[in-house]
Amino acid sequence: MTCNLSFGVRVNADKKFISKTRQTERILEVRVQAPRAHEQEKRPPLNLAIVLDRSGSMQGMKLEYVKKAASHVLDQLTEQDQVALVVYDDHIQVIANSMKVTHGNRVEMKRLISEITSGSMTNLGEGYLSGCREIAASARQETINRTLLLTDGLANVGITDEEVLAKHALELYNESISTSTFGVGNDFNEHLLEAMASRGGGNFYYIATPDRIPEIFLQEFNNLVGITARKVEVRLDLPPNVEWKVLGGWPAEYKEGRLHLSVGDMLTGKLQDIYIKLQVPGDDKTEELALNAKAFGQGKDSEVLEGQAMIGFQCTTQEEVEAALPDQELMQRFGEVELADEATEALKLERKGEREEAERWMRASIDRHRRHMSASQVHQYEDLSSSMAAGMSEEERKRAHWDSYNLKRRKENPEEK
């Protein structure tokens, strides 16, 4: 990476040595940087679908704030943008097909939004897919295509399987339709919404109180207009005998000797870190292992963005591998992400009532990373472990999950602003 103004990739490692005689675990840090937008540069046109839960649990102030947020988003859009409006309970209603945001269309869509009332069950899957179909019908090469899905409850009608919905989000992302999800209150499935956003190349948000809905929608809009690199992907050459694990929930696939990492859309100047654990088998016939990484993306004017980097590992004795000091700063960053990943998995166990197992999981994770953690981080995770053992409320689960999501994706937590 030569300049903050350019697109690029860099690969770092905890150590530059691997053993000739034993399997070696190495930590890779892949750092991708988006190009920085020029001040006078025109933002890309947006092609959005706003998909809103209108089930019975949304009645009252939740629905009123949602309607306010949707209207506020419309006020930020211009005639270069397109938007569709979909509402769902157990039935799906496309209240506005994808259309240009002219003054007249904006007024009409606001009127339609004001007439939304609450209904009954939650067919989240079909509501989401209906919004995506609207986007697909009006997508162009230069548009940023994104579905904004908001819910306060569980998917209990139609497609309800978390993995199936996340798979749909990934397939749509591969067709240039990304997904951001917004969970309101304490009754939605945070693991489902995170999976859909992560596989879908967008963002997940936890909105604790309805009055924050307009603010968070505006934050997502500001993210969208700041995108300078779309559909970013990293391809890492990796021998087939090397085992790998990508942290942080980033979509990854190994094929034809390369590990493909989907990074999604990136904001101007954003530096995104992705961590990979490698298990490299011993090989006394090799002196060096070289790994090449290439990053690709699409720029604001549809130009192809490319960057590449290489990292080499020296094959040596087990004694020299063990004697080498790891990069402490890298290990601290990695530890934050792996602990956040582990916390997400432990929270799933706690939700199922497996409290002792959840606590053991977290304590073991803390012990593995303790030497790279600050005292405050140790205290924070020990408190979380104790809370898991005692049993957590829905609000506590949501907040702990939200904190973990922001840490493993290395995002700013808007709750702390």
Foldseek 3Di string as FASTA:
>chain_A
DPDLQAWAKEKDKQDQADAQAFKDKIKIKIKTWFHFDDPPDAFFEAEEEEEEEQAPVCPDLLLVLVLVQVLVVLVVHAQSYWYWYWYDALDIDGLGAIDGSDPVVSVVVNVSSVPRHHHHHHQQQVSQVVRLVSSVVPDDLQYQAEYEEEDAAANDHDDRDLVVLLVVLLVSVVVRYAYEYEYEAQHYDQVSRCSSRQSRQHYYYYHHHSNCSNVVSVVRVVQNRQWFWFFKKKKKQADPVKDKDKFQNFDWDDDDRIIITTNGTDGRSDIWIIMMIITGGNRNVDFKDKMKMKMWTAGNVRDIGIYIYMRMHGHDHPVVVVPDGTDLVVLLLVLLQVLLRQLLVLLVCLVVVNLVVSLVSLVVSCVVSVVSDDPVVSVVSNVVSVCSNVGDDSVVSVVSNLVSSCSNRVHDDPVVD
